[in-house]
């Protein structure tokens, strides 16, 4: 599992505590302090299978050679998504890192409906299957790779 925009690792924590699932996980975040807090306070590495990496998400995708079964993307600066998350270069880079039939989950927020529609159309072109869920301001997409 790869989590881009890991923050404290709450997505992984939910899998571990609620579902008793302990995947090998790589948590990537640009903020070294947040990663340090995750390591110190979240108790995510009880199975010794979690790695924390301080790096820009797009840079990580361009340099990593690992393929993942699950990629979770939760990239925010305050309440806004970086613009690169919505562009084709980022989606293509993500696709190079996911296994065939792997899952990519995007947690997103859009300020404009036209941008959201464009993003959804691109997802539908690049993935085998796309499921949408809406929770308050967030649009969550669960995508299955070809």
C-alpha atoms as a PDB file:
ATOM      1  CA  UNK A   1       0.000   0.000   0.000  1.00  0.00           C
ATOM      2  CA  UNK A   2       1.169   3.490  -0.840  1.00  0.00           C
ATOM      3  CA  UNK A   3      -0.304   6.574   0.798  1.00  0.00           C
ATOM      4  CA  UNK A   4       0.534   9.890  -0.829  1.00  0.00           C
ATOM      5  CA  UNK A   5      -0.246  12.723   1.541  1.00  0.00           C
ATOM      6  CA  UNK A   6       0.043  10.388   4.490  1.00  0.00           C
ATOM      7  CA  UNK A   7      -0.273  12.995   7.195  1.00  0.00           C
ATOM      8  CA  UNK A   8      -0.327  11.148  10.489  1.00  0.00           C
ATOM      9  CA  UNK A   9      -1.299   7.897   8.769  1.00  0.00           C
ATOM     10  CA  UNK A  10      -4.948   7.869   9.812  1.00  0.00           C
ATOM     11  CA  UNK A  11      -5.982   5.875   6.712  1.00  0.00           C
ATOM     12  CA  UNK A  12      -3.599   3.086   7.670  1.00  0.00           C
ATOM     13  CA  UNK A  13      -4.641   3.362  11.325  1.00  0.00           C
ATOM     14  CA  UNK A  14      -8.290   2.761  10.355  1.00  0.00           C
ATOM     15  CA  UNK A  15      -7.318  -0.369   8.396  1.00  0.00           C
ATOM     16  CA  UNK A  16      -5.327  -1.668  11.339  1.00  0.00           C
ATOM     17  CA  UNK A  17      -7.748  -0.920  14.174  1.00  0.00           C
ATOM     18  CA  UNK A  18     -11.156  -1.262  12.563  1.00  0.00           C
ATOM     19  CA  UNK A  19     -10.446  -4.090  10.128  1.00  0.00           C
ATOM     20  CA  UNK A  20      -7.372  -5.771  11.632  1.00  0.00           C
ATOM     21  CA  UNK A  21      -5.562  -5.412   8.284  1.00  0.00           C
ATOM     22  CA  UNK A  22      -1.820  -4.720   8.439  1.00  0.00           C
ATOM     23  CA  UNK A  23      -0.540  -4.195   4.870  1.00  0.00           C
ATOM     24  CA  UNK A  24       3.047  -3.406   4.060  1.00  0.00           C
ATOM     25  CA  UNK A  25       2.784   0.348   3.698  1.00  0.00           C
ATOM     26  CA  UNK A  26       4.788   3.261   2.385  1.00  0.00           C
ATOM     27  CA  UNK A  27       3.634   6.610   3.775  1.00  0.00           C
ATOM     28  CA  UNK A  28       4.805   9.620   1.777  1.00  0.00           C
ATOM     29  CA  UNK A  29       4.391  13.194   2.943  1.00  0.00           C
ATOM     30  CA  UNK A  30       6.267  16.397   2.232  1.00  0.00           C
ATOM     31  CA  UNK A  31       6.141  17.506   5.888  1.00  0.00           C
ATOM     32  CA  UNK A  32       8.897  15.880   7.954  1.00  0.00           C
ATOM     33  CA  UNK A  33       7.357  17.036  11.254  1.00  0.00           C
ATOM     34  CA  UNK A  34       4.037  15.357  10.472  1.00  0.00           C
ATOM     35  CA  UNK A  35       5.819  12.125   9.565  1.00  0.00           C
ATOM     36  CA  UNK A  36       7.806  12.272  12.811  1.00  0.00           C
ATOM     37  CA  UNK A  37       4.559  12.677  14.788  1.00  0.00           C
ATOM     38  CA  UNK A  38       3.090   9.743  12.881  1.00  0.00           C
ATOM     39  CA  UNK A  39       6.039   7.564  13.821  1.00  0.00           C
ATOM     40  CA  UNK A  40       5.991   8.681  17.449  1.00  0.00           C
ATOM     41  CA  UNK A  41       2.284   8.730  18.274  1.00  0.00           C
ATOM     42  CA  UNK A  42       0.277   6.542  15.861  1.00  0.00           C
ATOM     43  CA  UNK A  43       1.745   3.060  16.600  1.00  0.00           C
ATOM     44  CA  UNK A  44       1.509   2.048  12.944  1.00  0.00           C
ATOM     45  CA  UNK A  45       4.586  -0.150  12.718  1.00  0.00           C
ATOM     46  CA  UNK A  46       3.722  -2.965  15.138  1.00  0.00           C
ATOM     47  CA  UNK A  47       4.364  -5.530  12.376  1.00  0.00           C
ATOM     48  CA  UNK A  48       7.577  -3.807  11.232  1.00  0.00           C
ATOM     49  CA  UNK A  49       6.133  -3.288   7.735  1.00  0.00           C
ATOM     50  CA  UNK A  50       5.647   0.488   7.502  1.00  0.00           C
ATOM     51  CA  UNK A  51       8.077   2.900   5.863  1.00  0.00           C
ATOM     52  CA  UNK A  52       7.850   6.701   6.108  1.00  0.00           C
ATOM     53  CA  UNK A  53       9.302   8.840   3.320  1.00  0.00           C
ATOM     54  CA  UNK A  54       9.597  12.618   3.339  1.00  0.00           C
ATOM     55  CA  UNK A  55       9.240  13.631  -0.303  1.00  0.00           C
ATOM     56  CA  UNK A  56       7.009  15.460  -2.723  1.00  0.00           C
ATOM     57  CA  UNK A  57       4.329  13.044  -3.981  1.00  0.00           C
ATOM     58  CA  UNK A  58       4.884  13.665  -7.691  1.00  0.00           C
ATOM     59  CA  UNK A  59       8.650  13.351  -7.279  1.00  0.00           C
ATOM     60  CA  UNK A  60       8.131  10.068  -5.420  1.00  0.00           C
ATOM     61  CA  UNK A  61       5.967   8.684  -8.238  1.00  0.00           C
ATOM     62  CA  UNK A  62       8.618   9.612 -10.798  1.00  0.00           C
ATOM     63  CA  UNK A  63      11.443   7.941  -8.856  1.00  0.00           C
ATOM     64  CA  UNK A  64       9.825   4.884  -7.258  1.00  0.00           C
ATOM     65  CA  UNK A  65      10.203   1.517  -8.948  1.00  0.00           C
ATOM     66  CA  UNK A  66       7.732  -0.302  -6.705  1.00  0.00           C
ATOM     67  CA  UNK A  67       4.275  -1.354  -7.884  1.00  0.00           C
ATOM     68  CA  UNK A  68       1.481  -1.226  -5.313  1.00  0.00           C
ATOM     69  CA  UNK A  69      -1.816  -3.087  -4.976  1.00  0.00           C
ATOM     70  CA  UNK A  70      -3.402  -0.068  -3.307  1.00  0.00           C
ATOM     71  CA  UNK A  71      -2.585   3.626  -3.624  1.00  0.00           C
ATOM     72  CA  UNK A  72      -4.375   6.163  -1.460  1.00  0.00           C
ATOM     73  CA  UNK A  73      -4.082   9.810  -2.479  1.00  0.00           C
ATOM     74  CA  UNK A  74      -4.985  12.372   0.148  1.00  0.00           C
ATOM     75  CA  UNK A  75      -2.981  15.441  -0.828  1.00  0.00           C
ATOM     76  CA  UNK A  76      -4.068  18.721   0.702  1.00  0.00           C
ATOM     77  CA  UNK A  77      -2.578  22.011   1.744  1.00  0.00           C
ATOM     78  CA  UNK A  78      -5.061  23.151   4.366  1.00  0.00           C
ATOM     79  CA  UNK A  79      -8.402  22.552   2.587  1.00  0.00           C
ATOM     80  CA  UNK A  80      -7.080  22.847  -0.971  1.00  0.00           C
ATOM     81  CA  UNK A  81      -5.646  20.208  -3.257  1.00  0.00           C
ATOM     82  CA  UNK A  82      -2.434  21.034  -5.097  1.00  0.00           C
ATOM     83  CA  UNK A  83      -3.275  21.648  -8.751  1.00  0.00           C
ATOM     84  CA  UNK A  84      -0.925  18.923  -9.977  1.00  0.00           C
ATOM     85  CA  UNK A  85      -3.159  16.220  -8.417  1.00  0.00           C
ATOM     86  CA  UNK A  86      -5.860  17.008 -10.972  1.00  0.00           C
ATOM     87  CA  UNK A  87      -3.658  16.879 -14.050  1.00  0.00           C
ATOM     88  CA  UNK A  88      -2.944  14.057 -16.439  1.00  0.00           C
ATOM     89  CA  UNK A  89       0.776  13.876 -15.645  1.00  0.00           C
ATOM     90  CA  UNK A  90      -0.015  12.989 -12.026  1.00  0.00           C
ATOM     91  CA  UNK A  91      -2.641  10.414 -13.037  1.00  0.00           C
ATOM     92  CA  UNK A  92      -0.243   8.821 -15.521  1.00  0.00           C
ATOM     93  CA  UNK A  93       2.527   8.718 -12.922  1.00  0.00           C
ATOM     94  CA  UNK A  94       0.117   7.104 -10.472  1.00  0.00           C
ATOM     95  CA  UNK A  95      -0.839   4.483 -13.043  1.00  0.00           C
ATOM     96  CA  UNK A  96       2.805   3.498 -13.497  1.00  0.00           C
ATOM     97  CA  UNK A  97       2.954   2.621  -9.785  1.00  0.00           C
ATOM     98  CA  UNK A  98      -0.232   0.547  -9.438  1.00  0.00           C
ATOM     99  CA  UNK A  99      -0.432  -3.172 -10.210  1.00  0.00           C
ATOM    100  CA  UNK A 100      -2.821  -4.403 -12.905  1.00  0.00           C
ATOM    101  CA  UNK A 101      -6.285  -4.592 -11.310  1.00  0.00           C
ATOM    102  CA  UNK A 102      -4.902  -2.560  -8.384  1.00  0.00           C
ATOM    103  CA  UNK A 103      -6.943   0.103  -6.612  1.00  0.00           C
ATOM    104  CA  UNK A 104      -6.314   3.841  -6.468  1.00  0.00           C
ATOM    105  CA  UNK A 105      -8.381   5.903  -4.040  1.00  0.00           C
ATOM    106  CA  UNK A 106      -8.494   9.675  -4.510  1.00  0.00           C
ATOM    107  CA  UNK A 107      -9.784  11.923  -1.732  1.00  0.00           C
ATOM    108  CA  UNK A 108     -10.500  15.234  -3.456  1.00  0.00           C
ATOM    109  CA  UNK A 109     -12.130  18.626  -3.032  1.00  0.00           C
ATOM    110  CA  UNK A 110     -13.145  20.786  -5.979  1.00  0.00           C
ATOM    111  CA  UNK A 111     -13.901  24.480  -5.996  1.00  0.00           C
ATOM    112  CA  UNK A 112     -15.435  24.405  -9.472  1.00  0.00           C
ATOM    113  CA  UNK A 113     -17.834  21.851 -10.961  1.00  0.00           C
ATOM    114  CA  UNK A 114     -16.213  22.134 -14.398  1.00  0.00           C
ATOM    115  CA  UNK A 115     -12.845  21.082 -12.936  1.00  0.00           C
ATOM    116  CA  UNK A 116     -14.500  18.163 -11.159  1.00  0.00           C
ATOM    117  CA  UNK A 117     -16.254  17.042 -14.356  1.00  0.00           C
ATOM    118  CA  UNK A 118     -12.982  17.205 -16.299  1.00  0.00           C
ATOM    119  CA  UNK A 119     -11.219  15.179 -13.575  1.00  0.00           C
ATOM    120  CA  UNK A 120     -13.981  12.547 -13.538  1.00  0.00           C
ATOM    121  CA  UNK A 121     -13.884  12.239 -17.330  1.00  0.00           C
ATOM    122  CA  UNK A 122     -10.123  11.716 -17.226  1.00  0.00           C
ATOM    123  CA  UNK A 123     -10.465   9.073 -14.500  1.00  0.00           C
ATOM    124  CA  UNK A 124     -13.062   7.242 -16.587  1.00  0.00           C
ATOM    125  CA  UNK A 125     -10.670   7.190 -19.549  1.00  0.00           C
ATOM    126  CA  UNK A 126      -7.629   6.005 -17.603  1.00  0.00           C
ATOM    127  CA  UNK A 127      -9.146   3.394 -15.275  1.00  0.00           C
ATOM    128  CA  UNK A 128     -11.134   0.229 -15.864  1.00  0.00           C
ATOM    129  CA  UNK A 129     -13.743   1.132 -13.262  1.00  0.00           C
ATOM    130  CA  UNK A 130     -14.459   4.278 -11.217  1.00  0.00           C
ATOM    131  CA  UNK A 131     -16.813   4.486  -8.244  1.00  0.00           C
ATOM    132  CA  UNK A 132     -17.732   7.870  -6.753  1.00  0.00           C
ATOM    133  CA  UNK A 133     -18.717   8.748  -3.185  1.00  0.00           C
ATOM    134  CA  UNK A 134     -19.466  12.150  -1.764  1.00  0.00           C
ATOM    135  CA  UNK A 135     -18.936  13.095   1.871  1.00  0.00           C
ATOM    136  CA  UNK A 136     -19.571  16.737   2.768  1.00  0.00           C
ATOM    137  CA  UNK A 137     -17.054  18.740   0.707  1.00  0.00           C
ATOM    138  CA  UNK A 138     -15.047  15.681  -0.334  1.00  0.00           C
ATOM    139  CA  UNK A 139     -15.403  13.642  -3.483  1.00  0.00           C
ATOM    140  CA  UNK A 140     -13.861  10.195  -3.095  1.00  0.00           C
ATOM    141  CA  UNK A 141     -13.040   8.068  -6.143  1.00  0.00           C
ATOM    142  CA  UNK A 142     -12.238   4.374  -5.947  1.00  0.00           C
ATOM    143  CA  UNK A 143     -10.568   3.427  -9.216  1.00  0.00           C
ATOM    144  CA  UNK A 144      -9.605  -0.005 -10.542  1.00  0.00           C
ATOM    145  CA  UNK A 145      -6.630  -0.078 -12.917  1.00  0.00           C
ATOM    146  CA  UNK A 146      -6.703  -1.981 -16.209  1.00  0.00           C
END
